Amino acid sequence: MSVFTEVVLILATGIVAGIINVMAAGGSLLTLPVLIFLGLPSSVANGTNRIAIVVMSMTATTNFYRKGYFDKKLGPVLAIPGIIGAIVGANLAITISDKLFNTVLAIMMVITVIFILWNPSKRLSQKKKDKENSKWRLIIAILVFFFIGIYGGFIQAGAGFFMITALTAIFGLSLVRSNAIKTFVSGVYVLVSLLIFIYHGEVNWLLGVTLAVGMSIGGWIGSSLAVSKGEKLIRVFLVVAVVGMAIKLLFF
């Protein structure tokens, strides 16, 4: 495959992933396997994918902040354990073999598909939490985000679903406010983990920047659509695509 064809494919993948991220989340479940299928070593694909995530997170967080959905107190607090966990996860991702990484990725893709179908965050967001024991809830959230940070530093794909579920379950936040915090936290710890991948030379800048451009375009398209029925269609597409790529990673 020529470099031009690869760039076009990554740009198109980025656009689709950007739309998915805005309307349903989980775009990295597409971008990371595609980068691997193009022949990039798993660690390089993992690092390259993070360039686009950082760009998307910065843009989305700015929009959430302007609209008043971002919690300026809770977001930074949860970002700290996320960063610490991501440092652990990123260093782990760089040391393991490509075969083991692909196997773990495929398994986590299937687990994330179950989360997509179950969609627990939508149910949990309906339950409001009282202000009692708020300190304990914060402690629990810090611990949870530390482990999510490890996962995010290691793979990242699907981490957004876990964060939104945790935020709605622990604090009873709406999906919009949970998404705002998730976007900020993931952007911060992914940036830190990206620096680790850059230090070890595990980034393809051409494909990474191309993917970032594509996801930015897709994010704009997705936010412009704003059609509630579209989320179900996106979820169906994402489930089919992710299952197919997980099977390929495991058996081919």
C-alpha atoms as a PDB file:
ATOM      1  CA  MET A   1       0.000   0.000   0.000  1.00  0.00           C
ATOM      2  CA  SER A   2       1.380   3.415  -1.005  1.00  0.00           C
ATOM      3  CA  VAL A   3       1.934   6.221   1.488  1.00  0.00           C
ATOM      4  CA  PHE A   4      -0.781   8.262  -0.258  1.00  0.00           C
ATOM      5  CA  THR A   5      -3.304   5.424   0.088  1.00  0.00           C
ATOM      6  CA  GLU A   6      -2.417   5.004   3.760  1.00  0.00           C
ATOM      7  CA  VAL A   7      -2.893   8.720   4.407  1.00  0.00           C
ATOM      8  CA  VAL A   8      -6.283   8.734   2.655  1.00  0.00           C
ATOM      9  CA  LEU A   9      -7.401   5.640   4.581  1.00  0.00           C
ATOM     10  CA  ILE A  10      -6.297   7.104   7.912  1.00  0.00           C
ATOM     11  CA  LEU A  11      -7.986  10.426   7.113  1.00  0.00           C
ATOM     12  CA  ALA A  12     -11.254   8.618   6.318  1.00  0.00           C
ATOM     13  CA  THR A  13     -10.941   6.466   9.445  1.00  0.00           C
ATOM     14  CA  GLY A  14     -10.318   9.588  11.505  1.00  0.00           C
ATOM     15  CA  ILE A  15     -13.448  11.259  10.154  1.00  0.00           C
ATOM     16  CA  VAL A  16     -15.592   8.226  11.007  1.00  0.00           C
ATOM     17  CA  ALA A  17     -13.961   7.912  14.439  1.00  0.00           C
ATOM     18  CA  GLY A  18     -14.522  11.613  15.112  1.00  0.00           C
ATOM     19  CA  ILE A  19     -18.226  11.276  14.377  1.00  0.00           C
ATOM     20  CA  ILE A  20     -18.422   8.210  16.626  1.00  0.00           C
ATOM     21  CA  ASN A  21     -16.593   9.970  19.460  1.00  0.00           C
ATOM     22  CA  VAL A  22     -19.076  12.839  19.452  1.00  0.00           C
ATOM     23  CA  MET A  23     -22.245  10.793  19.014  1.00  0.00           C
ATOM     24  CA  ALA A  24     -21.467   7.608  20.930  1.00  0.00           C
ATOM     25  CA  ALA A  25     -17.790   7.546  22.071  1.00  0.00           C
ATOM     26  CA  GLY A  26     -15.279   4.775  21.352  1.00  0.00           C
ATOM     27  CA  GLY A  27     -13.621   6.040  18.169  1.00  0.00           C
ATOM     28  CA  SER A  28     -10.256   4.601  19.222  1.00  0.00           C
ATOM     29  CA  LEU A  29     -11.785   1.140  18.969  1.00  0.00           C
ATOM     30  CA  LEU A  30     -11.606   1.752  15.205  1.00  0.00           C
ATOM     31  CA  THR A  31      -8.471   3.862  14.799  1.00  0.00           C
ATOM     32  CA  LEU A  32      -6.082   1.704  16.840  1.00  0.00           C
ATOM     33  CA  PRO A  33      -6.804  -1.597  15.005  1.00  0.00           C
ATOM     34  CA  VAL A  34      -6.682   0.170  11.608  1.00  0.00           C
ATOM     35  CA  LEU A  35      -3.228   1.568  12.408  1.00  0.00           C
ATOM     36  CA  ILE A  36      -2.106  -1.955  13.337  1.00  0.00           C
ATOM     37  CA  PHE A  37      -3.621  -3.425  10.156  1.00  0.00           C
ATOM     38  CA  LEU A  38      -1.617  -0.888   8.122  1.00  0.00           C
ATOM     39  CA  GLY A  39       1.532  -2.544   9.391  1.00  0.00           C
ATOM     40  CA  LEU A  40       2.553  -0.324  12.274  1.00  0.00           C
ATOM     41  CA  PRO A  41       4.024  -2.154  15.275  1.00  0.00           C
ATOM     42  CA  SER A  42       1.442  -2.217  18.054  1.00  0.00           C
ATOM     43  CA  SER A  43       3.422   0.138  20.295  1.00  0.00           C
ATOM     44  CA  VAL A  44       3.839   2.643  17.433  1.00  0.00           C
ATOM     45  CA  ALA A  45       0.130   2.426  16.570  1.00  0.00           C
ATOM     46  CA  ASN A  46      -0.669   2.944  20.247  1.00  0.00           C
ATOM     47  CA  GLY A  47       1.492   6.057  20.455  1.00  0.00           C
ATOM     48  CA  THR A  48       0.369   7.443  17.091  1.00  0.00           C
ATOM     49  CA  ASN A  49      -3.308   7.134  18.010  1.00  0.00           C
ATOM     50  CA  ARG A  50      -2.769   9.410  21.017  1.00  0.00           C
ATOM     51  CA  ILE A  51      -1.916  12.454  18.893  1.00  0.00           C
ATOM     52  CA  ALA A  52      -5.476  12.560  17.574  1.00  0.00           C
ATOM     53  CA  ILE A  53      -6.972  11.898  21.009  1.00  0.00           C
ATOM     54  CA  VAL A  54      -5.128  14.873  22.519  1.00  0.00           C
ATOM     55  CA  VAL A  55      -6.242  17.216  19.718  1.00  0.00           C
ATOM     56  CA  MET A  56      -9.859  16.041  19.946  1.00  0.00           C
ATOM     57  CA  SER A  57      -9.896  16.338  23.740  1.00  0.00           C
ATOM     58  CA  MET A  58      -8.531  19.884  23.718  1.00  0.00           C
ATOM     59  CA  THR A  59     -11.154  21.008  21.221  1.00  0.00           C
ATOM     60  CA  ALA A  60     -14.053  19.244  22.946  1.00  0.00           C
ATOM     61  CA  THR A  61     -13.059  20.394  26.448  1.00  0.00           C
ATOM     62  CA  THR A  62     -12.971  24.000  25.252  1.00  0.00           C
ATOM     63  CA  ASN A  63     -16.494  23.639  23.876  1.00  0.00           C
ATOM     64  CA  PHE A  64     -17.781  22.016  27.080  1.00  0.00           C
ATOM     65  CA  TYR A  65     -16.193  24.786  29.156  1.00  0.00           C
ATOM     66  CA  ARG A  66     -17.784  27.529  27.060  1.00  0.00           C
ATOM     67  CA  LYS A  67     -21.192  25.919  27.426  1.00  0.00           C
ATOM     68  CA  GLY A  68     -20.825  25.600  31.206  1.00  0.00           C
ATOM     69  CA  TYR A  69     -20.832  21.799  31.399  1.00  0.00           C
ATOM     70  CA  PHE A  70     -17.265  21.326  32.671  1.00  0.00           C
ATOM     71  CA  ASP A  71     -16.737  20.932  36.433  1.00  0.00           C
ATOM     72  CA  LYS A  72     -13.590  23.003  37.086  1.00  0.00           C
ATOM     73  CA  LYS A  73     -13.090  21.445  40.533  1.00  0.00           C
ATOM     74  CA  LEU A  74     -13.775  17.763  39.962  1.00  0.00           C
ATOM     75  CA  GLY A  75     -12.075  17.500  36.568  1.00  0.00           C
ATOM     76  CA  PRO A  76      -8.532  18.502  37.667  1.00  0.00           C
ATOM     77  CA  VAL A  77      -8.804  16.409  40.859  1.00  0.00           C
ATOM     78  CA  LEU A  78      -9.615  13.244  38.899  1.00  0.00           C
ATOM     79  CA  ALA A  79      -6.958  14.036  36.297  1.00  0.00           C
ATOM     80  CA  ILE A  80      -4.181  13.581  38.889  1.00  0.00           C
ATOM     81  CA  PRO A  81      -4.750   9.851  39.588  1.00  0.00           C
ATOM     82  CA  GLY A  82      -5.412   9.416  35.874  1.00  0.00           C
ATOM     83  CA  ILE A  83      -1.962  10.823  35.051  1.00  0.00           C
ATOM     84  CA  ILE A  84      -0.224   8.615  37.620  1.00  0.00           C
ATOM     85  CA  GLY A  85      -2.015   5.535  36.305  1.00  0.00           C
ATOM     86  CA  ALA A  86      -1.300   6.466  32.677  1.00  0.00           C
ATOM     87  CA  ILE A  87       2.440   6.662  33.353  1.00  0.00           C
ATOM     88  CA  VAL A  88       2.312   3.094  34.669  1.00  0.00           C
ATOM     89  CA  GLY A  89       0.163   1.885  31.768  1.00  0.00           C
ATOM     90  CA  ALA A  90       2.214   3.562  29.024  1.00  0.00           C
ATOM     91  CA  ASN A  91       5.477   2.097  30.284  1.00  0.00           C
ATOM     92  CA  LEU A  92       3.819  -1.318  30.442  1.00  0.00           C
ATOM     93  CA  ALA A  93       2.527  -0.983  26.861  1.00  0.00           C
ATOM     94  CA  ILE A  94       6.006  -0.224  25.530  1.00  0.00           C
ATOM     95  CA  THR A  95       7.593  -3.272  27.163  1.00  0.00           C
ATOM     96  CA  ILE A  96       5.217  -6.067  26.067  1.00  0.00           C
ATOM     97  CA  SER A  97       5.301  -7.901  22.730  1.00  0.00           C
ATOM     98  CA  ASP A  98       3.080  -6.945  19.782  1.00  0.00           C
ATOM     99  CA  LYS A  99       1.365 -10.348  19.876  1.00  0.00           C
ATOM    100  CA  LEU A 100       0.428 -10.019  23.535  1.00  0.00           C
ATOM    101  CA  PHE A 101      -0.720  -6.424  23.022  1.00  0.00           C
ATOM    102  CA  ASN A 102      -2.951  -7.430  20.092  1.00  0.00           C
ATOM    103  CA  THR A 103      -4.503 -10.223  22.158  1.00  0.00           C
ATOM    104  CA  VAL A 104      -5.195  -7.911  25.103  1.00  0.00           C
ATOM    105  CA  LEU A 105      -6.582  -5.260  22.730  1.00  0.00           C
ATOM    106  CA  ALA A 106      -8.952  -7.745  21.084  1.00  0.00           C
ATOM    107  CA  ILE A 107     -10.236  -8.980  24.459  1.00  0.00           C
ATOM    108  CA  MET A 108     -10.775  -5.429  25.730  1.00  0.00           C
ATOM    109  CA  MET A 109     -12.569  -4.531  22.488  1.00  0.00           C
ATOM    110  CA  VAL A 110     -15.067  -7.331  23.112  1.00  0.00           C
ATOM    111  CA  ILE A 111     -15.525  -6.244  26.750  1.00  0.00           C
ATOM    112  CA  THR A 112     -16.113  -2.666  25.618  1.00  0.00           C
ATOM    113  CA  VAL A 113     -18.707  -3.854  23.101  1.00  0.00           C
ATOM    114  CA  ILE A 114     -20.604  -5.382  26.032  1.00  0.00           C
ATOM    115  CA  PHE A 115     -20.486  -1.965  27.737  1.00  0.00           C
ATOM    116  CA  ILE A 116     -21.785  -0.340  24.545  1.00  0.00           C
ATOM    117  CA  LEU A 117     -24.726  -2.737  24.345  1.00  0.00           C
ATOM    118  CA  TRP A 118     -25.502  -2.610  28.068  1.00  0.00           C
ATOM    119  CA  ASN A 119     -25.046   1.174  28.182  1.00  0.00           C
ATOM    120  CA  PRO A 120     -25.039   1.366  32.014  1.00  0.00           C
ATOM    121  CA  SER A 121     -24.247   5.093  32.103  1.00  0.00           C
ATOM    122  CA  LYS A 122     -27.640   5.935  30.619  1.00  0.00           C
ATOM    123  CA  ARG A 123     -29.395   4.094  33.443  1.00  0.00           C
ATOM    124  CA  LEU A 124     -27.129   5.322  36.210  1.00  0.00           C
ATOM    125  CA  SER A 125     -27.435   8.966  35.174  1.00  0.00           C
ATOM    126  CA  GLN A 126     -31.101   8.842  36.092  1.00  0.00           C
ATOM    127  CA  LYS A 127     -30.204   8.267  39.762  1.00  0.00           C
ATOM    128  CA  LYS A 128     -29.343  11.362  41.751  1.00  0.00           C
ATOM    129  CA  LYS A 129     -26.877  11.195  44.599  1.00  0.00           C
ATOM    130  CA  ASP A 130     -27.345  13.074  47.844  1.00  0.00           C
ATOM    131  CA  LYS A 131     -24.537  15.146  49.339  1.00  0.00           C
ATOM    132  CA  GLU A 132     -23.879  12.752  52.210  1.00  0.00           C
ATOM    133  CA  ASN A 133     -20.661  10.737  52.113  1.00  0.00           C
ATOM    134  CA  SER A 134     -19.382  12.956  49.299  1.00  0.00           C
ATOM    135  CA  LYS A 135     -15.835  12.613  50.674  1.00  0.00           C
ATOM    136  CA  TRP A 136     -15.986   8.831  50.409  1.00  0.00           C
ATOM    137  CA  ARG A 137     -17.380   9.031  46.888  1.00  0.00           C
ATOM    138  CA  LEU A 138     -14.474  11.265  45.904  1.00  0.00           C
ATOM    139  CA  ILE A 139     -11.969   8.810  47.395  1.00  0.00           C
ATOM    140  CA  ILE A 140     -13.593   5.955  45.493  1.00  0.00           C
ATOM    141  CA  ALA A 141     -13.540   8.008  42.286  1.00  0.00           C
ATOM    142  CA  ILE A 142      -9.838   8.805  42.731  1.00  0.00           C
ATOM    143  CA  LEU A 143      -9.041   5.094  43.092  1.00  0.00           C
ATOM    144  CA  VAL A 144     -11.208   4.189  40.103  1.00  0.00           C
ATOM    145  CA  PHE A 145      -9.623   6.857  37.914  1.00  0.00           C
ATOM    146  CA  PHE A 146      -6.151   5.646  38.883  1.00  0.00           C
ATOM    147  CA  PHE A 147      -6.955   2.208  37.463  1.00  0.00           C
ATOM    148  CA  ILE A 148      -8.701   3.713  34.444  1.00  0.00           C
ATOM    149  CA  GLY A 149      -5.532   5.764  33.942  1.00  0.00           C
ATOM    150  CA  ILE A 150      -3.465   2.563  33.890  1.00  0.00           C
ATOM    151  CA  TYR A 151      -5.791   1.136  31.249  1.00  0.00           C
ATOM    152  CA  GLY A 152      -5.786   4.412  29.324  1.00  0.00           C
ATOM    153  CA  GLY A 153      -2.003   4.610  29.352  1.00  0.00           C
ATOM    154  CA  PHE A 154      -1.850   1.002  28.205  1.00  0.00           C
ATOM    155  CA  ILE A 155      -4.496   0.959  25.444  1.00  0.00           C
ATOM    156  CA  GLN A 156      -6.978   3.851  25.879  1.00  0.00           C
ATOM    157  CA  ALA A 157      -9.528   2.373  23.453  1.00  0.00           C
ATOM    158  CA  GLY A 158     -12.849   2.251  25.312  1.00  0.00           C
ATOM    159  CA  ALA A 159     -11.580   4.101  28.399  1.00  0.00           C
ATOM    160  CA  GLY A 160     -14.186   6.806  27.847  1.00  0.00           C
ATOM    161  CA  PHE A 161     -17.027   4.350  28.427  1.00  0.00           C
ATOM    162  CA  PHE A 162     -15.519   3.290  31.750  1.00  0.00           C
ATOM    163  CA  MET A 163     -15.028   6.892  32.892  1.00  0.00           C
ATOM    164  CA  ILE A 164     -18.569   7.944  32.022  1.00  0.00           C
ATOM    165  CA  THR A 165     -19.958   4.878  33.791  1.00  0.00           C
ATOM    166  CA  ALA A 166     -17.870   5.646  36.900  1.00  0.00           C
ATOM    167  CA  LEU A 167     -18.906   9.306  36.981  1.00  0.00           C
ATOM    168  CA  THR A 168     -22.604   8.558  36.607  1.00  0.00           C
ATOM    169  CA  ALA A 169     -22.479   5.712  39.146  1.00  0.00           C
ATOM    170  CA  ILE A 170     -20.448   7.522  41.811  1.00  0.00           C
ATOM    171  CA  PHE A 171     -21.674  11.107  41.485  1.00  0.00           C
ATOM    172  CA  GLY A 172     -24.960  10.739  39.599  1.00  0.00           C
ATOM    173  CA  LEU A 173     -23.826  13.259  36.984  1.00  0.00           C
ATOM    174  CA  SER A 174     -25.698  13.717  33.728  1.00  0.00           C
ATOM    175  CA  LEU A 175     -24.206  12.142  30.617  1.00  0.00           C
ATOM    176  CA  VAL A 176     -23.240  15.561  29.264  1.00  0.00           C
ATOM    177  CA  ARG A 177     -21.383  16.624  32.414  1.00  0.00           C
ATOM    178  CA  SER A 178     -19.784  13.189  32.725  1.00  0.00           C
ATOM    179  CA  ASN A 179     -18.646  13.415  29.118  1.00  0.00           C
ATOM    180  CA  ALA A 180     -17.138  16.850  29.762  1.00  0.00           C
ATOM    181  CA  ILE A 181     -15.037  15.569  32.680  1.00  0.00           C
ATOM    182  CA  LYS A 182     -14.134  12.400  30.782  1.00  0.00           C
ATOM    183  CA  THR A 183     -12.926  14.424  27.817  1.00  0.00           C
ATOM    184  CA  PHE A 184     -10.724  16.656  29.971  1.00  0.00           C
ATOM    185  CA  VAL A 185      -9.251  13.850  32.084  1.00  0.00           C
ATOM    186  CA  SER A 186      -8.491  11.622  29.109  1.00  0.00           C
ATOM    187  CA  GLY A 187      -6.928  14.536  27.233  1.00  0.00           C
ATOM    188  CA  VAL A 188      -4.575  15.294  30.128  1.00  0.00           C
ATOM    189  CA  TYR A 189      -3.391  11.770  30.879  1.00  0.00           C
ATOM    190  CA  VAL A 190      -3.203  10.808  27.193  1.00  0.00           C
ATOM    191  CA  LEU A 191      -0.928  13.824  26.631  1.00  0.00           C
ATOM    192  CA  VAL A 192       1.372  12.628  29.418  1.00  0.00           C
ATOM    193  CA  SER A 193       1.390   9.077  28.053  1.00  0.00           C
ATOM    194  CA  LEU A 194       2.023  10.439  24.538  1.00  0.00           C
ATOM    195  CA  LEU A 195       5.210  12.095  25.797  1.00  0.00           C
ATOM    196  CA  ILE A 196       6.395   8.686  27.017  1.00  0.00           C
ATOM    197  CA  PHE A 197       5.728   7.124  23.611  1.00  0.00           C
ATOM    198  CA  ILE A 198       7.522  10.033  21.898  1.00  0.00           C
ATOM    199  CA  TYR A 199      10.524   9.611  24.197  1.00  0.00           C
ATOM    200  CA  HIS A 200      10.793   5.957  23.164  1.00  0.00           C
ATOM    201  CA  GLY A 201      10.333   6.808  19.456  1.00  0.00           C
ATOM    202  CA  GLU A 202       6.996   4.987  19.238  1.00  0.00           C
ATOM    203  CA  VAL A 203       5.089   7.551  17.133  1.00  0.00           C
ATOM    204  CA  ASN A 204       4.445   7.888  13.383  1.00  0.00           C
ATOM    205  CA  TRP A 205       3.947  11.632  13.004  1.00  0.00           C
ATOM    206  CA  LEU A 206       2.590  11.597   9.436  1.00  0.00           C
ATOM    207  CA  LEU A 207      -0.229   9.188  10.223  1.00  0.00           C
ATOM    208  CA  GLY A 208      -0.770  10.706  13.672  1.00  0.00           C
ATOM    209  CA  VAL A 209      -1.280  14.245  12.372  1.00  0.00           C
ATOM    210  CA  THR A 210      -3.430  12.933   9.498  1.00  0.00           C
ATOM    211  CA  LEU A 211      -5.581  11.024  11.970  1.00  0.00           C
ATOM    212  CA  ALA A 212      -5.896  14.136  14.145  1.00  0.00           C
ATOM    213  CA  VAL A 213      -7.098  16.162  11.150  1.00  0.00           C
ATOM    214  CA  GLY A 214      -9.622  13.471  10.233  1.00  0.00           C
ATOM    215  CA  MET A 215     -10.973  13.169  13.775  1.00  0.00           C
ATOM    216  CA  SER A 216     -11.301  16.953  14.038  1.00  0.00           C
ATOM    217  CA  ILE A 217     -13.355  17.000  10.831  1.00  0.00           C
ATOM    218  CA  GLY A 218     -15.442  14.065  12.060  1.00  0.00           C
ATOM    219  CA  GLY A 219     -15.985  15.741  15.410  1.00  0.00           C
ATOM    220  CA  TRP A 220     -17.297  18.858  13.701  1.00  0.00           C
ATOM    221  CA  ILE A 221     -19.607  16.775  11.482  1.00  0.00           C
ATOM    222  CA  GLY A 222     -20.856  14.740  14.440  1.00  0.00           C
ATOM    223  CA  SER A 223     -21.626  17.804  16.539  1.00  0.00           C
ATOM    224  CA  SER A 224     -23.399  19.402  13.583  1.00  0.00           C
ATOM    225  CA  LEU A 225     -25.653  16.391  13.040  1.00  0.00           C
ATOM    226  CA  ALA A 226     -26.986  16.391  16.609  1.00  0.00           C
ATOM    227  CA  VAL A 227     -29.605  13.783  15.756  1.00  0.00           C
ATOM    228  CA  SER A 228     -30.649  11.640  18.715  1.00  0.00           C
ATOM    229  CA  LYS A 229     -31.656   8.712  16.503  1.00  0.00           C
ATOM    230  CA  GLY A 230     -28.178   8.725  15.036  1.00  0.00           C
ATOM    231  CA  GLU A 231     -26.660   7.415  18.262  1.00  0.00           C
ATOM    232  CA  LYS A 232     -28.336   4.015  17.907  1.00  0.00           C
ATOM    233  CA  LEU A 233     -27.158   3.706  14.313  1.00  0.00           C
ATOM    234  CA  ILE A 234     -23.624   4.629  15.320  1.00  0.00           C
ATOM    235  CA  ARG A 235     -23.667   2.082  18.142  1.00  0.00           C
ATOM    236  CA  VAL A 236     -24.753  -0.706  15.772  1.00  0.00           C
ATOM    237  CA  PHE A 237     -22.028   0.225  13.289  1.00  0.00           C
ATOM    238  CA  LEU A 238     -19.403   0.420  16.024  1.00  0.00           C
ATOM    239  CA  VAL A 239     -20.355  -2.966  17.508  1.00  0.00           C
ATOM    240  CA  VAL A 240     -20.179  -4.739  14.131  1.00  0.00           C
ATOM    241  CA  ALA A 241     -16.878  -3.094  13.185  1.00  0.00           C
ATOM    242  CA  VAL A 242     -15.232  -3.709  16.563  1.00  0.00           C
ATOM    243  CA  VAL A 243     -16.276  -7.380  16.722  1.00  0.00           C
ATOM    244  CA  GLY A 244     -14.940  -7.931  13.201  1.00  0.00           C
ATOM    245  CA  MET A 245     -11.583  -6.333  13.986  1.00  0.00           C
ATOM    246  CA  ALA A 246     -11.321  -8.167  17.317  1.00  0.00           C
ATOM    247  CA  ILE A 247     -11.756 -11.495  15.515  1.00  0.00           C
ATOM    248  CA  LYS A 248      -9.045 -10.516  13.021  1.00  0.00           C
ATOM    249  CA  LEU A 249      -6.646  -9.536  15.820  1.00  0.00           C
ATOM    250  CA  LEU A 250      -7.219 -12.832  17.632  1.00  0.00           C
ATOM    251  CA  PHE A 251      -7.271 -15.367  14.807  1.00  0.00           C
ATOM    252  CA  PHE A 252      -5.689 -13.901  11.630  1.00  0.00           C
END
